[in-house]
Amino acid sequence: MCLISIAGKGVDKYSDKLLDGLRTADNTNTDGIGYSFKRNSTKKVFISKGYTDIEEVINKLKTHKLRIDDELIVH
C-alpha cells in the first residue's frame, strides 16, 4: 500500500520528526519513493520520482532548501 506524507505551509521540511517518519515509512513500504513540492514564492511545482533509497531522497530534498511556506509531498 502506498504511503503519502505531506508537509504543508508552516511545517519544517527538515525536522527530525518528519525525516524519521519518512525513514519509517520507507522501512514498511519498499515500492519506491517520489516527491513533489510547490514553492510559495513562484507557485511552481517540482516533481521527482523513481528513487529506492530514502537517504538519497532526503539528501536531494535538502539541496532544494525548502522554506517553511513551501509545500511538500512525499509518496
N, C-alpha and C. Protein backbone atom coordinates (compact mmCIF):
# COMPACT_ATOMS: atom_id res chain seq x y z
N MET A 1 0.84 -1.17 0.00
CA MET A 1 0.00 0.00 0.00
C MET A 1 0.89 1.24 0.00
N CYS A 2 0.52 2.22 -0.77
CA CYS A 2 1.28 3.47 -0.83
C CYS A 2 1.06 4.29 0.43
N LEU A 3 2.08 5.02 0.79
CA LEU A 3 2.01 5.95 1.91
C LEU A 3 2.32 7.34 1.38
N ILE A 4 1.62 8.33 1.88
CA ILE A 4 1.85 9.71 1.47
C ILE A 4 2.09 10.56 2.71
N SER A 5 3.17 11.31 2.69
CA SER A 5 3.48 12.25 3.77
C SER A 5 3.37 13.66 3.20
N ILE A 6 2.71 14.52 3.93
CA ILE A 6 2.52 15.90 3.49
C ILE A 6 3.07 16.85 4.55
N ALA A 7 3.87 17.79 4.12
CA ALA A 7 4.36 18.86 4.99
C ALA A 7 3.93 20.17 4.35
N GLY A 8 2.84 20.68 4.82
CA GLY A 8 2.28 21.90 4.25
C GLY A 8 2.96 23.16 4.76
N LYS A 9 2.35 24.27 4.45
CA LYS A 9 2.87 25.56 4.92
C LYS A 9 2.93 25.55 6.45
N GLY A 10 3.99 26.13 6.97
CA GLY A 10 4.13 26.22 8.41
C GLY A 10 4.84 25.04 9.05
N VAL A 11 5.21 24.04 8.24
CA VAL A 11 5.88 22.84 8.76
C VAL A 11 7.34 22.85 8.32
N ASP A 12 8.24 22.58 9.27
CA ASP A 12 9.67 22.48 8.97
C ASP A 12 9.91 21.23 8.12
N LYS A 13 10.37 21.43 6.91
CA LYS A 13 10.56 20.32 5.97
C LYS A 13 11.76 19.43 6.31
N TYR A 14 12.58 19.86 7.25
CA TYR A 14 13.78 19.10 7.61
C TYR A 14 13.80 18.74 9.09
N SER A 15 12.66 18.76 9.74
CA SER A 15 12.61 18.41 11.16
C SER A 15 12.94 16.92 11.34
N ASP A 16 13.51 16.59 12.49
CA ASP A 16 13.82 15.19 12.79
C ASP A 16 12.55 14.35 12.75
N LYS A 17 11.45 14.89 13.25
CA LYS A 17 10.17 14.16 13.28
C LYS A 17 9.73 13.78 11.86
N LEU A 18 9.78 14.72 10.95
CA LEU A 18 9.37 14.44 9.56
C LEU A 18 10.33 13.45 8.90
N LEU A 19 11.62 13.69 9.00
CA LEU A 19 12.60 12.82 8.34
C LEU A 19 12.59 11.42 8.92
N ASP A 20 12.43 11.29 10.24
CA ASP A 20 12.32 9.96 10.84
C ASP A 20 11.04 9.26 10.39
N GLY A 21 9.97 10.01 10.22
CA GLY A 21 8.72 9.44 9.71
C GLY A 21 8.88 8.92 8.29
N LEU A 22 9.63 9.64 7.45
CA LEU A 22 9.89 9.17 6.09
C LEU A 22 10.71 7.89 6.11
N ARG A 23 11.69 7.82 7.00
CA ARG A 23 12.51 6.60 7.12
C ARG A 23 11.66 5.41 7.56
N THR A 24 10.78 5.63 8.52
CA THR A 24 9.90 4.57 8.99
C THR A 24 8.98 4.10 7.87
N ALA A 25 8.42 5.04 7.14
CA ALA A 25 7.54 4.69 6.02
C ALA A 25 8.30 3.87 4.98
N ASP A 26 9.54 4.24 4.72
CA ASP A 26 10.35 3.51 3.75
C ASP A 26 10.63 2.09 4.22
N ASN A 27 10.82 1.90 5.51
CA ASN A 27 11.09 0.57 6.05
C ASN A 27 9.89 -0.37 5.91
N THR A 28 8.70 0.18 5.87
CA THR A 28 7.50 -0.65 5.80
C THR A 28 6.89 -0.70 4.40
N ASN A 29 7.42 0.09 3.48
CA ASN A 29 6.89 0.13 2.12
C ASN A 29 8.07 0.30 1.16
N THR A 30 8.41 -0.76 0.46
CA THR A 30 9.61 -0.76 -0.39
C THR A 30 9.29 -0.62 -1.88
N ASP A 31 8.16 -0.05 -2.22
CA ASP A 31 7.75 0.05 -3.63
C ASP A 31 8.40 1.21 -4.38
N GLY A 32 9.16 2.03 -3.70
CA GLY A 32 9.79 3.17 -4.36
C GLY A 32 9.31 4.48 -3.77
N ILE A 33 10.03 5.54 -4.10
CA ILE A 33 9.78 6.84 -3.48
C ILE A 33 9.81 7.94 -4.54
N GLY A 34 8.96 8.91 -4.36
CA GLY A 34 8.97 10.11 -5.17
C GLY A 34 8.56 11.29 -4.32
N TYR A 35 8.83 12.48 -4.79
CA TYR A 35 8.41 13.65 -4.03
C TYR A 35 8.05 14.79 -4.97
N SER A 36 7.29 15.70 -4.43
CA SER A 36 6.87 16.88 -5.17
C SER A 36 6.79 18.04 -4.19
N PHE A 37 7.12 19.21 -4.66
CA PHE A 37 6.94 20.38 -3.80
C PHE A 37 6.52 21.57 -4.63
N LYS A 38 5.86 22.50 -3.97
CA LYS A 38 5.46 23.76 -4.59
C LYS A 38 6.11 24.89 -3.82
N ARG A 39 6.86 25.70 -4.52
CA ARG A 39 7.47 26.87 -3.90
C ARG A 39 6.41 27.97 -3.80
N ASN A 40 6.24 28.48 -2.61
CA ASN A 40 5.25 29.53 -2.40
C ASN A 40 5.61 30.79 -3.19
N SER A 41 6.90 31.09 -3.30
CA SER A 41 7.32 32.33 -3.95
C SER A 41 7.05 32.35 -5.45
N THR A 42 7.09 31.19 -6.10
CA THR A 42 6.91 31.15 -7.56
C THR A 42 5.63 30.43 -7.99
N LYS A 43 5.05 29.68 -7.07
CA LYS A 43 3.85 28.85 -7.35
C LYS A 43 4.17 27.72 -8.33
N LYS A 44 5.45 27.45 -8.60
CA LYS A 44 5.83 26.35 -9.50
C LYS A 44 5.91 25.05 -8.72
N VAL A 45 5.56 23.95 -9.41
CA VAL A 45 5.59 22.62 -8.82
C VAL A 45 6.76 21.84 -9.41
N PHE A 46 7.51 21.17 -8.55
CA PHE A 46 8.65 20.35 -8.94
C PHE A 46 8.31 18.91 -8.59
N ILE A 47 8.57 17.97 -9.50
CA ILE A 47 8.29 16.56 -9.28
C ILE A 47 9.55 15.75 -9.56
N SER A 48 9.85 14.81 -8.67
CA SER A 48 10.99 13.91 -8.85
C SER A 48 10.59 12.53 -8.34
N LYS A 49 10.83 11.49 -9.13
CA LYS A 49 10.41 10.15 -8.73
C LYS A 49 11.39 9.10 -9.21
N GLY A 50 11.15 7.87 -8.79
CA GLY A 50 11.98 6.75 -9.23
C GLY A 50 13.10 6.38 -8.26
N TYR A 51 12.98 6.82 -7.02
CA TYR A 51 14.00 6.53 -6.01
C TYR A 51 13.70 5.23 -5.28
N THR A 52 14.75 4.59 -4.78
CA THR A 52 14.59 3.40 -3.94
C THR A 52 15.30 3.55 -2.61
N ASP A 53 16.04 4.63 -2.43
CA ASP A 53 16.82 4.86 -1.21
C ASP A 53 16.35 6.15 -0.53
N ILE A 54 15.78 6.01 0.67
CA ILE A 54 15.23 7.17 1.36
C ILE A 54 16.31 8.19 1.71
N GLU A 55 17.52 7.75 2.00
CA GLU A 55 18.59 8.70 2.32
C GLU A 55 18.94 9.55 1.10
N GLU A 56 18.87 8.95 -0.09
CA GLU A 56 19.09 9.73 -1.31
C GLU A 56 18.00 10.79 -1.47
N VAL A 57 16.76 10.41 -1.19
CA VAL A 57 15.65 11.36 -1.28
C VAL A 57 15.85 12.50 -0.28
N ILE A 58 16.19 12.17 0.95
CA ILE A 58 16.40 13.20 1.97
C ILE A 58 17.52 14.14 1.55
N ASN A 59 18.61 13.59 1.05
CA ASN A 59 19.72 14.44 0.59
C ASN A 59 19.31 15.34 -0.57
N LYS A 60 18.52 14.81 -1.50
CA LYS A 60 18.02 15.61 -2.63
C LYS A 60 17.11 16.73 -2.12
N LEU A 61 16.22 16.38 -1.18
CA LEU A 61 15.31 17.40 -0.63
C LEU A 61 16.10 18.54 0.00
N LYS A 62 17.16 18.21 0.70
CA LYS A 62 17.97 19.25 1.35
C LYS A 62 18.61 20.19 0.34
N THR A 63 18.90 19.71 -0.86
CA THR A 63 19.51 20.59 -1.87
C THR A 63 18.53 21.64 -2.37
N HIS A 64 17.24 21.40 -2.21
CA HIS A 64 16.22 22.36 -2.67
C HIS A 64 16.01 23.50 -1.69
N LYS A 65 16.51 23.36 -0.47
CA LYS A 65 16.40 24.41 0.55
C LYS A 65 14.96 24.91 0.69
N LEU A 66 14.07 23.96 0.93
CA LEU A 66 12.66 24.31 1.08
C LEU A 66 12.44 25.19 2.30
N ARG A 67 11.53 26.12 2.14
CA ARG A 67 11.22 27.06 3.23
C ARG A 67 9.94 26.66 3.93
N ILE A 68 9.70 27.30 5.03
CA ILE A 68 8.54 27.00 5.87
C ILE A 68 7.22 27.22 5.12
N ASP A 69 7.20 28.12 4.13
CA ASP A 69 5.96 28.41 3.41
C ASP A 69 5.82 27.60 2.12
N ASP A 70 6.79 26.74 1.81
CA ASP A 70 6.67 25.83 0.67
C ASP A 70 5.85 24.61 1.10
N GLU A 71 5.35 23.85 0.12
CA GLU A 71 4.55 22.66 0.41
C GLU A 71 5.21 21.43 -0.19
N LEU A 72 5.27 20.35 0.59
CA LEU A 72 5.99 19.14 0.21
C LEU A 72 5.09 17.92 0.33
N ILE A 73 5.18 17.04 -0.67
CA ILE A 73 4.51 15.75 -0.64
C ILE A 73 5.54 14.68 -0.97
N VAL A 74 5.60 13.63 -0.13
CA VAL A 74 6.49 12.50 -0.40
C VAL A 74 5.61 11.27 -0.51
N HIS A 75 5.81 10.50 -1.57
CA HIS A 75 4.97 9.32 -1.85
C HIS A 75 5.85 8.11 -1.97
